[in-house]
Each structure stands twice: as C-alpha cells, then as structure tokens.
Amino acid sequence: MSDAWLVGTWNTRLDDDGKAVPGLVTFSADGGVVSVQANTKSVGLGTWRSTGPGTFAYEFRILAVNDEGQHVGHAHVTVEGEFVSASGWHGTGGAEFHDPQGTRLRGHSGSKVTADKLGASE
C-alpha cells in the first residue's frame, strides 16, 4: 500500500454516537490536510503523515464560532487510518475542544471513520 493512495479528496463518514456525519477531506502530497464535516461551521486545516505500511495519521484544527460568527474556541481533531483498498480506508478518531484561551473543555476518542476516494467522474 502506498502513501500516494492517500493524496486526493475523500468522502468521509464519521460515526457520531450512531449518527453518520458526512464530510470531505483532502490530503496533499506535501502533507497538508483540508477537512469539512456537515456538523461544523468551519473548515479544518492540518497535516498528515505515514505511520507504517498501509497506515497513516492526520490531525487538524477547526475554529469554533457561535451563531453570530464570534470565535468561541477551537477543536483539535486526530485520526489514525488504515487502507482497506486503493480507494478506501477506515480508522478511529477523536477531538478535544478548547476555549479561546486554550483551556481544554472536553474531548472524546474512539469514533469510527470510513472513507472512499472521489473519482474524476464524480
């Protein structure tokens, strides 16, 4: 399995306590990550790295805003993934939520993530 498989854009599904949350994540060849999920109001930006044959990890931050658009903190999301094919992977992830001063408010881990790669025809 190749790190090059990860480069591109993926449809993701996050298991949020039994509710499937759709998202999109793009991995660049230089290690960058851009992520958006249906349950967030902001784009996540971060990095990825290979962790072994067929495995990888990525992390990103999302700025949290209230309904008025005011900054109320951030989420730090981490995911560990494993390829199941050249066009699919699964993994587990978690997030920690912080206030604007950086104080940790809460967090969770062990959420399942599955993904399939977008093709040129989609």
Protein backbone atom coordinates (compact mmCIF):
# COMPACT_ATOMS: atom_id res chain seq x y z
CA MET A 1 0.00 0.00 0.00
CA SER A 2 1.31 3.41 -0.95
CA ASP A 3 1.25 6.83 0.71
CA ALA A 4 0.38 8.16 -2.76
CA TRP A 5 -3.02 6.45 -2.38
CA LEU A 6 -3.96 8.97 0.30
CA VAL A 7 -3.31 12.05 -1.86
CA GLY A 8 -6.61 13.40 -3.19
CA THR A 9 -10.12 14.03 -1.89
CA TRP A 10 -12.17 11.54 0.11
CA ASN A 11 -15.82 11.21 1.14
CA THR A 12 -15.82 10.51 4.86
CA ARG A 13 -18.43 9.22 7.27
CA LEU A 14 -17.90 9.84 10.96
CA ASP A 15 -19.88 7.71 13.42
CA ASP A 16 -21.05 10.32 15.94
CA ASP A 17 -22.77 8.19 18.61
CA GLY A 18 -24.61 6.15 15.99
CA LYS A 19 -25.33 9.05 13.64
CA ALA A 20 -23.41 9.10 10.33
CA VAL A 21 -21.90 12.55 9.70
CA PRO A 22 -20.72 13.12 6.10
CA GLY A 23 -17.59 15.06 5.31
CA LEU A 24 -14.85 15.70 2.78
CA VAL A 25 -11.12 15.64 3.42
CA THR A 26 -8.29 16.43 1.00
CA PHE A 27 -4.74 15.19 1.53
CA SER A 28 -1.94 16.95 -0.38
CA ALA A 29 1.37 15.37 -1.41
CA ASP A 30 3.29 17.76 0.85
CA GLY A 31 1.45 16.58 4.00
CA GLY A 32 -1.38 19.13 4.17
CA VAL A 33 -4.98 18.33 5.13
CA VAL A 34 -8.19 20.29 4.50
CA SER A 35 -11.35 18.92 6.10
CA VAL A 36 -15.01 19.89 6.31
CA GLN A 37 -17.80 17.97 8.04
CA ALA A 38 -21.55 18.54 7.99
CA ASN A 39 -21.55 19.11 11.77
CA THR A 40 -19.05 22.01 11.78
CA LYS A 41 -19.27 25.65 10.78
CA SER A 42 -15.61 25.98 9.79
CA VAL A 43 -13.00 24.29 7.61
CA GLY A 44 -10.32 22.25 9.37
CA LEU A 45 -6.66 22.68 8.41
CA GLY A 46 -3.80 20.40 9.40
CA THR A 47 -1.23 17.77 8.44
CA TRP A 48 -0.91 14.04 7.75
CA ARG A 49 1.94 11.51 7.93
CA SER A 50 2.58 7.87 7.13
CA THR A 51 2.81 5.65 10.24
CA GLY A 52 3.70 2.37 8.53
CA PRO A 53 2.84 0.15 5.57
CA GLY A 54 -0.80 0.96 4.78
CA THR A 55 -1.35 3.18 7.82
CA PHE A 56 -1.38 6.93 8.41
CA ALA A 57 -2.39 9.58 10.90
CA TYR A 58 -3.71 13.08 10.45
CA GLU A 59 -4.78 15.99 12.58
CA PHE A 60 -6.40 19.32 12.03
CA ARG A 61 -7.88 22.28 13.87
CA ILE A 62 -11.30 23.80 13.42
CA LEU A 63 -12.10 27.29 14.67
CA ALA A 64 -15.37 27.23 16.59
CA VAL A 65 -17.80 30.12 16.15
CA ASN A 66 -21.22 30.86 17.59
CA ASP A 67 -24.31 31.81 15.56
CA GLU A 68 -23.12 35.44 15.47
CA GLY A 69 -19.75 34.41 13.99
CA GLN A 70 -17.76 35.14 17.16
CA HIS A 71 -14.75 32.94 17.94
CA VAL A 72 -15.60 30.71 20.91
CA GLY A 73 -12.68 28.28 20.77
CA HIS A 74 -11.28 25.50 18.63
CA ALA A 75 -11.38 21.75 18.13
CA HIS A 76 -8.23 19.67 17.67
CA VAL A 77 -9.14 16.52 15.72
CA THR A 78 -6.89 13.46 15.38
CA VAL A 79 -7.47 10.36 13.23
CA GLU A 80 -5.50 7.14 12.70
CA GLY A 81 -6.33 5.31 9.48
CA GLU A 82 -5.63 2.10 7.62
CA PHE A 83 -6.16 1.37 3.93
CA VAL A 84 -8.61 -1.39 3.06
CA SER A 85 -8.01 -0.83 -0.68
CA ALA A 86 -6.54 1.80 -3.01
CA SER A 87 -9.86 3.64 -2.83
CA GLY A 88 -10.95 3.03 0.76
CA TRP A 89 -9.77 3.35 4.33
CA HIS A 90 -11.16 3.17 7.84
CA GLY A 91 -9.92 4.43 11.16
CA THR A 92 -10.68 5.92 14.54
CA GLY A 93 -10.55 9.49 15.67
CA GLY A 94 -11.26 11.91 18.41
CA ALA A 95 -11.42 15.57 19.23
CA GLU A 96 -10.54 17.92 22.06
CA PHE A 97 -12.42 21.17 22.45
CA HIS A 98 -10.76 24.30 23.86
CA ASP A 99 -11.93 27.78 24.75
CA PRO A 100 -10.34 30.85 23.06
CA GLN A 101 -7.62 30.95 25.76
CA GLY A 102 -6.65 27.31 25.08
CA THR A 103 -8.22 25.72 28.17
CA ARG A 104 -9.45 22.19 27.43
CA LEU A 105 -13.23 21.99 27.86
CA ARG A 106 -13.96 18.39 26.85
CA GLY A 107 -12.94 15.64 24.47
CA HIS A 108 -13.70 12.21 23.11
CA SER A 109 -11.92 9.41 21.26
CA GLY A 110 -12.67 6.15 19.51
CA SER A 111 -15.09 7.49 16.89
CA LYS A 112 -15.12 5.33 13.75
CA VAL A 113 -14.35 6.95 10.39
CA THR A 114 -14.73 5.35 6.96
CA ALA A 115 -13.77 6.89 3.63
CA ASP A 116 -13.89 6.31 -0.10
CA LYS A 117 -11.91 8.25 -2.67
CA LEU A 118 -13.63 10.65 -5.04
CA GLY A 119 -13.04 9.79 -8.67
CA ALA A 120 -12.59 12.17 -11.57
CA SER A 121 -16.10 11.37 -12.78
CA GLU A 122 -17.84 12.29 -9.51
